[in-house]
Amino acid sequence: MDTIWMIVAGIGMTFILKYSYILRHPRNWVSSLCETTKEFTNCCMCMGFWVGFFMKLCSLLITNGINSIYDVYVCVLLGFIVSITSFFGDVLLEVMDAYIDDKKKGSE
């Protein structure tokens, strides 16, 4: 159950980092550093991977530390899971946004 909550929190954190109004200045600054960081801040899969990876890493360091290579594999696995689910969530939001825009244009 903890893993599910960590995935949901990772998706939420990914969307906050990518879309929030409050973090737009730091996000724009990071984007301006180089082309790689620009892609990183605009890609839900890229940002989702690192959010998931660092969330699990911090969780391990707070609880009992990294004891084996298995712990690193778990960090990478959670990064991939958050990355994929964030991507599908982002695609779903884009489809919903396009649908709402079409409905608005149709009612005018």
Protein backbone atom coordinates (compact mmCIF):
# COMPACT_ATOMS: atom_id res chain seq x y z
CA MET A 1 0.00 0.00 0.00
CA ASP A 2 2.91 2.35 0.71
CA THR A 3 4.14 1.90 -2.85
CA ILE A 4 0.78 2.94 -4.28
CA TRP A 5 0.78 6.10 -2.18
CA MET A 6 4.34 6.84 -3.24
CA ILE A 7 3.34 6.47 -6.90
CA VAL A 8 0.35 8.79 -6.44
CA ALA A 9 2.52 11.31 -4.59
CA GLY A 10 5.14 11.09 -7.33
CA ILE A 11 2.56 11.80 -10.02
CA GLY A 12 1.27 14.76 -8.03
CA MET A 13 4.76 16.11 -7.47
CA THR A 14 5.58 15.70 -11.16
CA PHE A 15 2.52 17.69 -12.18
CA ILE A 16 3.25 20.36 -9.57
CA LEU A 17 6.82 20.75 -10.80
CA LYS A 18 5.76 20.82 -14.45
CA TYR A 19 2.61 22.95 -14.37
CA SER A 20 2.44 25.01 -11.16
CA TYR A 21 2.29 28.78 -11.36
CA ILE A 22 4.29 29.23 -8.17
CA LEU A 23 7.29 27.28 -9.47
CA ARG A 24 7.36 28.87 -12.93
CA HIS A 25 10.38 31.13 -12.19
CA PRO A 26 12.66 28.32 -10.93
CA ARG A 27 11.40 26.09 -13.76
CA ASN A 28 12.16 28.79 -16.35
CA TRP A 29 15.61 29.32 -14.84
CA VAL A 30 16.40 25.58 -14.97
CA SER A 31 15.05 25.47 -18.56
CA SER A 32 17.36 28.27 -19.61
CA LEU A 33 20.54 26.48 -18.48
CA CYS A 34 20.85 24.18 -21.50
CA GLU A 35 18.80 22.20 -24.00
CA THR A 36 18.83 19.06 -21.82
CA THR A 37 17.34 20.82 -18.81
CA LYS A 38 14.75 22.45 -21.08
CA GLU A 39 13.64 19.02 -22.26
CA PHE A 40 13.70 17.73 -18.69
CA THR A 41 11.33 20.42 -17.44
CA ASN A 42 8.91 19.97 -20.36
CA CYS A 43 8.79 16.15 -20.32
CA CYS A 44 6.53 14.37 -17.84
CA MET A 45 8.36 11.09 -18.36
CA CYS A 46 11.79 12.62 -17.66
CA MET A 47 10.66 14.56 -14.63
CA GLY A 48 8.53 11.66 -13.39
CA PHE A 49 11.49 9.29 -13.43
CA TRP A 50 13.70 11.55 -11.34
CA VAL A 51 10.87 12.46 -8.97
CA GLY A 52 10.15 8.78 -8.34
CA PHE A 53 13.83 7.91 -8.03
CA PHE A 54 14.59 10.67 -5.51
CA MET A 55 11.39 10.08 -3.54
CA LYS A 56 12.31 6.44 -2.99
CA LEU A 57 15.95 7.33 -2.33
CA CYS A 58 14.93 9.85 0.34
CA SER A 59 12.51 7.33 1.83
CA LEU A 60 15.25 4.72 2.09
CA LEU A 61 17.77 7.17 3.56
CA ILE A 62 15.27 8.33 6.19
CA THR A 63 14.16 4.86 7.25
CA ASN A 64 17.13 2.50 7.18
CA GLY A 65 19.64 3.63 4.58
CA ILE A 66 20.81 1.90 1.44
CA ASN A 67 21.94 -1.58 2.40
CA SER A 68 22.35 -3.32 -0.95
CA ILE A 69 22.23 -2.88 -4.69
CA TYR A 70 18.63 -4.11 -4.47
CA ASP A 71 17.68 -0.79 -2.85
CA VAL A 72 19.10 1.11 -5.83
CA TYR A 73 17.11 -1.15 -8.19
CA VAL A 74 13.95 -0.32 -6.24
CA CYS A 75 14.67 3.41 -6.66
CA VAL A 76 15.07 2.94 -10.42
CA LEU A 77 11.93 0.79 -10.62
CA LEU A 78 9.84 3.39 -8.79
CA GLY A 79 11.28 6.04 -11.08
CA PHE A 80 10.11 4.08 -14.12
CA ILE A 81 6.66 3.47 -12.64
CA VAL A 82 6.14 7.15 -11.78
CA SER A 83 7.46 8.11 -15.20
CA ILE A 84 5.02 5.90 -17.09
CA THR A 85 2.00 6.80 -14.96
CA SER A 86 2.84 10.52 -15.17
CA PHE A 87 3.03 10.23 -18.95
CA PHE A 88 -0.38 8.58 -19.18
CA GLY A 89 -1.81 11.16 -16.77
CA ASP A 90 -0.36 13.95 -18.89
CA VAL A 91 -1.82 12.46 -22.08
CA LEU A 92 -5.20 12.11 -20.35
CA LEU A 93 -5.10 15.77 -19.27
CA GLU A 94 -4.27 16.87 -22.83
CA VAL A 95 -7.17 14.84 -24.25
CA MET A 96 -9.55 16.27 -21.66
CA ASP A 97 -8.32 19.80 -22.38
CA ALA A 98 -8.84 19.33 -26.12
CA TYR A 99 -12.33 17.92 -25.51
CA ILE A 100 -13.28 20.87 -23.31
CA ASP A 101 -11.91 23.33 -25.89
CA ASP A 102 -13.98 21.63 -28.62
CA LYS A 103 -17.10 21.82 -26.44
CA LYS A 104 -16.51 25.53 -25.82
CA LYS A 105 -16.05 26.22 -29.54
CA GLY A 106 -19.18 24.22 -30.35
CA SER A 107 -21.33 26.17 -27.90
CA GLU A 108 -20.28 29.57 -29.25
